[in-house]
Amino acid sequence: MRSLTRRVLLDTRYLLVGFPAAVIAFILLVTGFAAGLGTVVVWLGVPILSGTLLIARGFADVERGWLSDVLNRPAVRPRYKGAPEGAGRFRRFVHPLTIGQSWLDLLHGIVNFPVAVVTFVVTVVFWAITIAGLTSPLWVAFTSQIPGNMELPELLGLGDTYLINATFYLAIGLLGLLLLPIMVRGAALLRSGLGRALLTTVAELQERIDDLAQGRAAAVSAEADALRRLERDIHDGPQQRLVSLAMELSRAQRQLRKDPAAAHDTIAEAIAATRETLDELRALSRGIAPPILADRGLPSALAALAGRCTVPVELDVQIAERYTAAVENTVYYVVAESLTNIAKHSRATTCSVQLSRTGNVLMLTIGDDGVGGAHVAKGHGLAGLADRLRAVDGELVVNSPMGGPTVIVAEVPCG
């Protein structure tokens, strides 16, 4: 009930206060536009039109602030590009005329006027009906024609007329009270819908484009970091081992002629080194999507990851359907990297991995009982996970206080 009352009061304030603002904006903008358009042939209209567009921008910013209350959305303001550096006075005068959003601001200031009139009238009428009807027992008594010298019994005798009138108007007031939230909300949505269409749609589209651009950049960065890390790990580990293995085999080849027993020992050492190299290559391949993921899906692939982890893993996968390769690879990579970090840094004795679907989002939760202190920052492994998730419009949340435990929650859109 309190939220409904607050909603009605916010919408009423928006409609009542916005009406005089709409009237003032309409007068200033129509006058400025007509004057500027009429004198543009003598160049005097250029600064007039530019000034009119700047005034429209000011009124538009006020309207955007109100929209956040009515629509329960953060205020989105378009980016108005400034004049280029070193631009002359005339170029600065003309610059507002080259911004498309400025003309949308002007259009809103003009079109908003008739809408504001209608919504203002609807709001005032329904508030008047409601207040007048609910207070009718008071004002009906004062407006009744009752002689001043009438005794109490006679006064009570006239009660029938009073009750009929008061009951009728009170019923109208109760009906108005029921319809008031609906009508006021509808009027507020009508006017705010116009404002959102003309004042914030371009900004929202630009924000979406920027998010997609950041996602692509994050994907490129994540892949580049992963390739550099894989290249470094291969160079520092298996590559050096393979070079050493080649040298050992060459030595064994020379020893075969002179000392077969020593050659046998050298070959045995080479075989042991080969096994160590294979183990290291398997460890590095955990960060790369394996064939089991493509063939059998996330449940089997995550089970394989959990089985290879040196820390006991409690796995709970509540999905069975297949998803796009980008989604499955992202989930697999996040689990693989997280389990690797847990095994290397957390000093945990147990960890858990849970994967479920909520609506059109895959919810991945990874926890451990380690020492904590993990955080998303450049230079840390979790930063790469955040970039990879951002590439698919996902989100990473890390809760890891010092002393533990650590909980990592990843949301991956899958719809």
Protein backbone atom coordinates (compact mmCIF):
# COMPACT_ATOMS: atom_id res chain seq x y z
CA MET A 1 0.00 0.00 0.00
CA ARG A 2 2.83 2.37 0.86
CA SER A 3 4.57 1.68 -2.45
CA LEU A 4 1.31 2.29 -4.36
CA THR A 5 0.78 5.61 -2.56
CA ARG A 6 4.36 6.64 -3.28
CA ARG A 7 3.94 5.67 -6.93
CA VAL A 8 0.78 7.77 -7.28
CA LEU A 9 2.41 10.77 -5.59
CA LEU A 10 5.52 10.55 -7.79
CA ASP A 11 3.42 10.29 -10.96
CA THR A 12 1.23 13.18 -9.81
CA ARG A 13 4.23 15.36 -9.12
CA TYR A 14 5.64 14.53 -12.54
CA LEU A 15 2.40 15.44 -14.31
CA LEU A 16 1.59 18.59 -12.33
CA VAL A 17 5.07 20.09 -12.15
CA GLY A 18 5.84 19.05 -15.70
CA PHE A 19 2.85 20.92 -17.10
CA PRO A 20 4.11 24.48 -16.52
CA ALA A 21 7.57 23.38 -17.64
CA ALA A 22 6.04 22.04 -20.86
CA VAL A 23 4.16 25.31 -21.42
CA ILE A 24 7.30 27.41 -20.93
CA ALA A 25 9.36 25.11 -23.13
CA PHE A 26 6.74 25.17 -25.89
CA ILE A 27 6.57 28.98 -25.93
CA LEU A 28 10.36 29.45 -25.92
CA LEU A 29 11.11 26.75 -28.46
CA VAL A 30 8.37 27.62 -30.95
CA THR A 31 9.26 31.31 -30.74
CA GLY A 32 12.98 30.66 -31.09
CA PHE A 33 12.56 28.18 -33.92
CA ALA A 34 10.21 30.48 -35.86
CA ALA A 35 12.49 33.49 -35.35
CA GLY A 36 15.60 31.56 -36.29
CA LEU A 37 14.04 29.96 -39.33
CA GLY A 38 12.67 33.30 -40.51
CA THR A 39 16.03 35.08 -40.28
CA VAL A 40 18.33 32.26 -41.32
CA VAL A 41 18.67 33.77 -44.80
CA VAL A 42 20.56 36.72 -43.31
CA TRP A 43 22.64 34.44 -41.03
CA LEU A 44 21.11 36.00 -37.93
CA GLY A 45 18.93 32.92 -37.61
CA VAL A 46 21.94 30.61 -37.13
CA PRO A 47 22.83 31.74 -33.59
CA ILE A 48 19.10 31.99 -32.76
CA LEU A 49 18.52 28.41 -33.86
CA SER A 50 21.63 27.25 -32.00
CA GLY A 51 20.46 29.01 -28.84
CA THR A 52 17.02 27.47 -29.23
CA LEU A 53 18.52 24.00 -29.50
CA LEU A 54 20.60 24.61 -26.37
CA ILE A 55 17.45 25.70 -24.51
CA ALA A 56 15.73 22.54 -25.75
CA ARG A 57 18.67 20.52 -24.43
CA GLY A 58 18.23 22.06 -20.99
CA PHE A 59 14.53 21.21 -20.86
CA ALA A 60 15.34 17.72 -22.18
CA ASP A 61 17.84 17.13 -19.36
CA VAL A 62 15.19 18.10 -16.81
CA GLU A 63 12.73 15.69 -18.43
CA ARG A 64 15.32 12.88 -18.38
CA GLY A 65 15.76 13.41 -14.66
CA TRP A 66 12.01 13.02 -14.14
CA LEU A 67 11.88 9.93 -16.35
CA SER A 68 14.15 8.01 -13.98
CA ASP A 69 11.53 8.40 -11.20
CA VAL A 70 8.56 7.50 -13.38
CA LEU A 71 10.09 4.55 -15.23
CA ASN A 72 12.32 3.30 -12.39
CA ARG A 73 15.30 3.36 -14.74
CA PRO A 74 18.65 5.12 -14.44
CA ALA A 75 18.74 8.44 -16.25
CA VAL A 76 20.42 7.99 -19.63
CA ARG A 77 21.84 11.14 -21.22
CA PRO A 78 23.14 11.17 -24.79
CA ARG A 79 26.69 12.30 -25.41
CA TYR A 80 26.59 15.71 -27.05
CA LYS A 81 29.89 16.09 -28.90
CA GLY A 82 31.56 19.43 -28.45
CA ALA A 83 32.89 21.59 -31.24
CA PRO A 84 36.30 20.54 -32.60
CA GLU A 85 39.35 22.10 -31.02
CA GLY A 86 40.40 25.28 -32.72
CA ALA A 87 36.97 25.83 -34.26
CA GLY A 88 36.11 29.44 -35.02
CA ARG A 89 33.20 31.42 -33.63
CA PHE A 90 30.91 30.65 -36.56
CA ARG A 91 31.75 26.95 -36.37
CA ARG A 92 30.83 26.94 -32.69
CA PHE A 93 27.54 28.68 -33.47
CA VAL A 94 26.71 26.11 -36.14
CA HIS A 95 27.85 23.06 -34.19
CA PRO A 96 24.60 22.46 -32.20
CA LEU A 97 22.75 22.35 -35.54
CA THR A 98 24.84 19.33 -36.59
CA ILE A 99 23.86 17.14 -33.61
CA GLY A 100 20.86 14.95 -34.38
CA GLN A 101 19.83 14.57 -30.73
CA SER A 102 19.48 18.37 -30.45
CA TRP A 103 16.70 18.32 -33.03
CA LEU A 104 15.01 15.45 -31.18
CA ASP A 105 15.15 17.58 -28.02
CA LEU A 106 13.46 20.42 -29.92
CA LEU A 107 10.83 18.06 -31.32
CA HIS A 108 10.08 16.76 -27.85
CA GLY A 109 9.69 20.24 -26.43
CA ILE A 110 7.05 21.00 -29.08
CA VAL A 111 5.20 17.68 -29.22
CA ASN A 112 5.22 17.29 -25.45
CA PHE A 113 2.97 20.33 -24.97
CA PRO A 114 -0.38 18.85 -26.11
CA VAL A 115 0.40 15.58 -24.32
CA ALA A 116 1.22 17.49 -21.14
CA VAL A 117 -2.08 19.40 -21.40
CA VAL A 118 -4.13 16.20 -21.68
CA THR A 119 -2.30 14.37 -18.90
CA PHE A 120 -2.48 17.44 -16.63
CA VAL A 121 -6.25 17.71 -17.11
CA VAL A 122 -6.74 13.97 -16.44
CA THR A 123 -4.68 14.18 -13.25
CA VAL A 124 -6.45 17.28 -11.91
CA VAL A 125 -9.93 15.95 -12.73
CA PHE A 126 -9.44 12.58 -11.03
CA TRP A 127 -7.78 14.10 -7.99
CA ALA A 128 -10.65 16.63 -7.73
CA ILE A 129 -13.30 13.91 -8.04
CA THR A 130 -11.58 11.77 -5.42
CA ILE A 131 -11.01 14.54 -2.87
CA ALA A 132 -14.44 16.10 -3.37
CA GLY A 133 -16.20 12.76 -3.10
CA LEU A 134 -14.36 11.57 0.01
CA THR A 135 -14.97 14.88 1.80
CA SER A 136 -18.63 15.10 0.75
CA PRO A 137 -20.01 14.36 4.25
CA LEU A 138 -18.46 17.66 5.36
CA TRP A 139 -19.25 20.00 2.51
CA VAL A 140 -22.75 18.59 1.88
CA ALA A 141 -23.62 19.47 5.48
CA PHE A 142 -22.40 23.03 5.04
CA THR A 143 -24.13 23.55 1.73
CA SER A 144 -27.52 22.17 2.86
CA GLN A 145 -30.27 24.77 3.27
CA ILE A 146 -30.87 24.43 7.04
CA PRO A 147 -32.53 27.37 8.85
CA GLY A 148 -30.49 28.67 11.70
CA ASN A 149 -33.32 28.44 14.29
CA MET A 150 -34.20 24.80 13.51
CA GLU A 151 -34.36 22.55 16.54
CA LEU A 152 -32.45 19.28 16.76
CA PRO A 153 -35.47 17.03 16.06
CA GLU A 154 -36.30 19.02 12.95
CA LEU A 155 -32.68 18.90 11.90
CA LEU A 156 -32.71 15.14 12.27
CA GLY A 157 -35.88 15.11 10.19
CA LEU A 158 -33.97 16.52 7.25
CA GLY A 159 -31.33 13.78 7.55
CA ASP A 160 -32.75 11.69 4.75
CA THR A 161 -31.87 14.26 2.07
CA TYR A 162 -28.45 14.80 3.58
CA LEU A 163 -27.68 11.08 3.70
CA ILE A 164 -28.76 10.55 0.11
CA ASN A 165 -26.59 13.39 -1.18
CA ALA A 166 -23.61 12.50 0.99
CA THR A 167 -23.81 8.81 0.08
CA PHE A 168 -24.03 9.57 -3.63
CA TYR A 169 -21.00 11.84 -3.65
CA LEU A 170 -19.05 9.53 -1.33
CA ALA A 171 -19.65 6.64 -3.76
CA ILE A 172 -18.29 8.80 -6.58
CA GLY A 173 -15.27 9.62 -4.42
CA LEU A 174 -14.59 5.95 -3.69
CA LEU A 175 -14.86 5.14 -7.40
CA GLY A 176 -12.44 7.97 -8.12
CA LEU A 177 -10.09 6.60 -5.46
CA LEU A 178 -10.09 3.20 -7.18
CA LEU A 179 -9.49 4.69 -10.63
CA LEU A 180 -6.98 7.35 -9.54
CA PRO A 181 -3.85 5.11 -9.50
CA ILE A 182 -4.76 3.62 -12.87
CA MET A 183 -5.50 6.92 -14.61
CA VAL A 184 -2.55 8.79 -13.12
CA ARG A 185 -0.18 5.95 -13.92
CA GLY A 186 -1.51 5.70 -17.45
CA ALA A 187 -1.11 9.44 -17.98
CA ALA A 188 2.43 9.34 -16.57
CA LEU A 189 3.39 6.42 -18.82
CA LEU A 190 1.92 8.16 -21.86
CA ARG A 191 3.97 11.29 -21.33
CA SER A 192 7.12 9.50 -20.15
CA GLY A 193 6.88 7.12 -23.12
CA LEU A 194 7.09 10.07 -25.47
CA GLY A 195 10.04 11.42 -23.52
CA ARG A 196 11.88 8.13 -23.56
CA ALA A 197 11.31 7.63 -27.29
CA LEU A 198 12.68 11.06 -28.22
CA LEU A 199 15.19 11.76 -25.45
CA THR A 200 16.83 8.49 -24.42
CA THR A 201 16.38 5.92 -27.21
CA VAL A 202 19.44 7.11 -29.11
CA ALA A 203 21.47 7.14 -25.90
CA GLU A 204 20.34 3.62 -24.99
CA LEU A 205 21.24 2.36 -28.47
CA GLN A 206 24.64 4.04 -28.22
CA GLU A 207 25.15 2.48 -24.78
CA ARG A 208 24.27 -0.92 -26.18
CA ILE A 209 26.68 -0.44 -29.08
CA ASP A 210 29.41 0.55 -26.64
CA ASP A 211 28.72 -2.55 -24.54
CA LEU A 212 28.99 -4.75 -27.62
CA ALA A 213 32.22 -3.04 -28.62
CA GLN A 214 33.62 -3.56 -25.15
CA GLY A 215 32.51 -7.18 -25.28
CA ARG A 216 34.31 -7.74 -28.56
CA ALA A 217 37.41 -6.02 -27.23
CA ALA A 218 37.24 -8.11 -24.07
CA ALA A 219 36.93 -11.30 -26.13
CA VAL A 220 39.95 -10.38 -28.24
CA SER A 221 41.91 -9.45 -25.12
CA ALA A 222 40.94 -12.65 -23.32
CA GLU A 223 41.91 -14.83 -26.29
CA ALA A 224 45.19 -12.95 -26.72
CA ASP A 225 46.03 -13.33 -23.02
CA ALA A 226 45.15 -17.02 -23.13
CA LEU A 227 47.34 -17.58 -26.19
CA ARG A 228 50.26 -15.66 -24.67
CA ARG A 229 49.94 -17.61 -21.41
CA LEU A 230 49.74 -20.93 -23.28
CA GLU A 231 52.74 -19.97 -25.42
CA ARG A 232 54.74 -18.99 -22.34
CA ASP A 233 53.81 -22.16 -20.49
CA ILE A 234 54.73 -24.34 -23.47
CA HIS A 235 58.01 -22.48 -23.89
CA ASP A 236 58.94 -22.72 -20.23
CA GLY A 237 57.85 -26.35 -19.75
CA PRO A 238 57.24 -28.90 -22.52
CA GLN A 239 59.45 -27.17 -25.08
CA GLN A 240 62.47 -27.23 -22.77
CA ARG A 241 61.74 -30.82 -21.84
CA LEU A 242 61.51 -31.81 -25.50
CA VAL A 243 64.85 -30.13 -26.24
CA SER A 244 66.40 -32.00 -23.33
CA LEU A 245 64.74 -35.22 -24.52
CA ALA A 246 66.24 -34.78 -28.01
CA MET A 247 69.69 -34.31 -26.46
CA GLU A 248 69.25 -37.41 -24.28
CA LEU A 249 68.22 -39.51 -27.26
CA SER A 250 71.21 -38.26 -29.26
CA ARG A 251 73.48 -39.22 -26.37
CA ALA A 252 71.88 -42.64 -26.18
CA GLN A 253 72.42 -43.10 -29.89
CA ARG A 254 76.15 -42.44 -29.46
CA GLN A 255 76.35 -44.71 -26.41
CA LEU A 256 74.81 -47.67 -28.22
CA ARG A 257 78.08 -48.35 -30.01
CA LYS A 258 80.42 -47.94 -27.04
CA ASP A 259 78.40 -48.70 -23.89
CA PRO A 260 74.98 -50.39 -24.45
CA ALA A 261 74.32 -50.53 -20.69
CA ALA A 262 74.74 -46.76 -20.34
CA ALA A 263 72.57 -46.27 -23.42
CA HIS A 264 69.87 -48.38 -21.78
CA ASP A 265 69.91 -46.15 -18.70
CA THR A 266 69.80 -43.01 -20.85
CA ILE A 267 66.80 -44.33 -22.80
CA ALA A 268 65.01 -45.13 -19.52
CA GLU A 269 65.58 -41.55 -18.36
CA ALA A 270 64.27 -40.28 -21.71
CA ILE A 271 61.12 -42.39 -21.34
CA ALA A 272 60.54 -40.96 -17.86
CA ALA A 273 61.05 -37.43 -19.23
CA THR A 274 58.56 -38.20 -22.01
CA ARG A 275 55.92 -39.17 -19.49
CA GLU A 276 56.52 -36.00 -17.48
CA THR A 277 56.20 -33.95 -20.67
CA LEU A 278 52.92 -35.67 -21.55
CA ASP A 279 51.56 -34.97 -18.06
CA GLU A 280 52.48 -31.31 -18.39
CA LEU A 281 50.85 -31.09 -21.82
CA ARG A 282 47.68 -32.63 -20.40
CA ALA A 283 47.67 -30.02 -17.63
CA LEU A 284 48.06 -27.21 -20.16
CA SER A 285 45.27 -28.62 -22.34
CA ARG A 286 42.77 -28.17 -19.51
CA GLY A 287 42.41 -24.55 -20.52
CA ILE A 288 41.45 -25.59 -24.07
CA ALA A 289 38.02 -26.99 -24.85
CA PRO A 290 38.49 -30.79 -25.21
CA PRO A 291 36.71 -33.10 -27.67
CA ILE A 292 34.53 -34.43 -24.84
CA LEU A 293 32.88 -30.99 -24.58
CA ALA A 294 31.92 -30.97 -28.26
CA ASP A 295 30.84 -34.63 -28.23
CA ARG A 296 29.03 -35.04 -24.91
CA GLY A 297 28.35 -31.53 -23.57
CA LEU A 298 28.99 -29.69 -20.34
CA PRO A 299 28.02 -32.39 -17.78
CA SER A 300 30.64 -34.86 -19.04
CA ALA A 301 33.28 -32.19 -19.66
CA LEU A 302 32.87 -30.69 -16.19
CA ALA A 303 32.96 -34.17 -14.64
CA ALA A 304 36.28 -34.76 -16.38
CA LEU A 305 37.61 -31.47 -15.02
CA ALA A 306 36.47 -32.34 -11.51
CA GLY A 307 38.10 -35.75 -11.74
CA ARG A 308 41.49 -34.28 -12.69
CA CYS A 309 41.49 -31.59 -9.99
CA THR A 310 43.89 -32.28 -7.10
CA VAL A 311 41.34 -30.82 -4.64
CA PRO A 312 38.18 -32.91 -4.05
CA VAL A 313 35.31 -31.40 -6.04
CA GLU A 314 31.61 -31.67 -5.25
CA LEU A 315 29.96 -31.36 -8.67
CA ASP A 316 26.28 -30.51 -9.13
CA VAL A 317 25.24 -30.04 -12.78
CA GLN A 318 21.49 -29.46 -13.11
CA ILE A 319 21.33 -29.12 -16.89
CA ALA A 320 21.20 -31.70 -19.65
CA GLU A 321 20.49 -29.72 -22.83
CA ARG A 322 23.15 -28.45 -25.23
CA TYR A 323 23.98 -24.80 -25.80
CA THR A 324 25.92 -22.83 -28.37
CA ALA A 325 29.64 -23.44 -28.62
CA ALA A 326 30.42 -19.96 -27.27
CA VAL A 327 28.33 -20.55 -24.12
CA GLU A 328 29.69 -24.05 -23.47
CA ASN A 329 33.30 -23.02 -24.08
CA THR A 330 32.90 -20.05 -21.74
CA VAL A 331 31.46 -22.15 -18.91
CA TYR A 332 34.13 -24.82 -19.41
CA TYR A 333 36.95 -22.28 -19.43
CA VAL A 334 35.68 -20.55 -16.27
CA VAL A 335 35.48 -23.86 -14.40
CA ALA A 336 38.88 -25.02 -15.67
CA GLU A 337 40.63 -21.78 -14.74
CA SER A 338 38.89 -21.57 -11.37
CA LEU A 339 39.81 -25.14 -10.42
CA THR A 340 43.38 -24.50 -11.49
CA ASN A 341 43.53 -21.40 -9.29
CA ILE A 342 42.02 -23.33 -6.39
CA ALA A 343 44.60 -26.10 -6.73
CA LYS A 344 47.53 -23.67 -7.01
CA HIS A 345 46.69 -20.84 -4.61
CA SER A 346 43.74 -21.48 -2.30
CA ARG A 347 45.15 -24.22 -0.01
CA ALA A 348 41.58 -25.53 0.06
CA THR A 349 40.65 -29.02 1.24
CA THR A 350 37.41 -29.16 -0.71
CA CYS A 351 35.55 -27.17 -3.36
CA SER A 352 32.19 -27.24 -5.10
CA VAL A 353 30.92 -26.51 -8.60
CA GLN A 354 27.21 -25.97 -9.26
CA LEU A 355 25.68 -25.25 -12.66
CA SER A 356 21.98 -24.53 -13.11
CA ARG A 357 19.69 -22.57 -15.40
CA THR A 358 17.48 -19.70 -14.28
CA GLY A 359 15.35 -18.33 -17.11
CA ASN A 360 17.70 -17.51 -19.96
CA VAL A 361 20.83 -17.44 -17.80
CA LEU A 362 23.22 -20.21 -16.78
CA MET A 363 24.23 -19.73 -13.13
CA LEU A 364 27.69 -21.13 -12.33
CA THR A 365 28.77 -21.13 -8.68
CA ILE A 366 32.26 -22.21 -7.63
CA GLY A 367 33.27 -22.24 -3.97
CA ASP A 368 36.18 -23.43 -1.83
CA ASP A 369 37.19 -23.43 1.82
CA GLY A 370 40.63 -21.97 1.18
CA VAL A 371 42.45 -18.90 2.46
CA GLY A 372 40.53 -16.41 0.26
CA GLY A 373 41.95 -13.14 -1.01
CA ALA A 374 40.97 -13.70 -4.66
CA HIS A 375 39.80 -10.64 -6.58
CA VAL A 376 39.19 -9.40 -10.09
CA ALA A 377 42.02 -7.07 -11.07
CA LYS A 378 44.32 -6.61 -14.01
CA GLY A 379 47.25 -8.96 -13.77
CA HIS A 380 45.26 -11.66 -11.99
CA GLY A 381 43.74 -14.80 -13.49
CA LEU A 382 40.19 -13.79 -12.60
CA ALA A 383 40.50 -10.68 -14.79
CA GLY A 384 40.76 -12.96 -17.81
CA LEU A 385 37.60 -14.77 -16.71
CA ALA A 386 35.74 -11.47 -16.38
CA ASP A 387 36.83 -10.48 -19.89
CA ARG A 388 35.76 -13.83 -21.32
CA LEU A 389 32.35 -13.56 -19.67
CA ARG A 390 31.90 -9.98 -20.84
CA ALA A 391 32.42 -11.20 -24.40
CA VAL A 392 29.17 -13.20 -24.15
CA ASP A 393 27.32 -10.50 -22.14
CA GLY A 394 28.00 -12.44 -18.95
CA GLU A 395 29.01 -11.24 -15.51
CA LEU A 396 31.48 -12.40 -12.86
CA VAL A 397 31.06 -11.75 -9.13
CA VAL A 398 33.80 -12.74 -6.67
CA ASN A 399 33.35 -12.85 -2.90
CA SER A 400 36.65 -13.85 -1.31
CA PRO A 401 37.46 -12.22 2.03
CA MET A 402 40.88 -12.81 3.58
CA GLY A 403 40.72 -16.09 5.44
CA GLY A 404 38.06 -17.46 3.10
CA PRO A 405 35.85 -18.96 2.01
CA THR A 406 35.75 -17.99 -1.66
CA VAL A 407 32.61 -17.95 -3.78
CA ILE A 408 32.69 -17.16 -7.51
CA VAL A 409 29.39 -16.63 -9.32
CA ALA A 410 29.29 -16.42 -13.11
CA GLU A 411 26.15 -15.57 -15.08
CA VAL A 412 26.17 -16.64 -18.73
CA PRO A 413 23.21 -15.70 -20.97
CA CYS A 414 22.04 -18.74 -22.91
CA GLY A 415 18.67 -17.65 -24.39
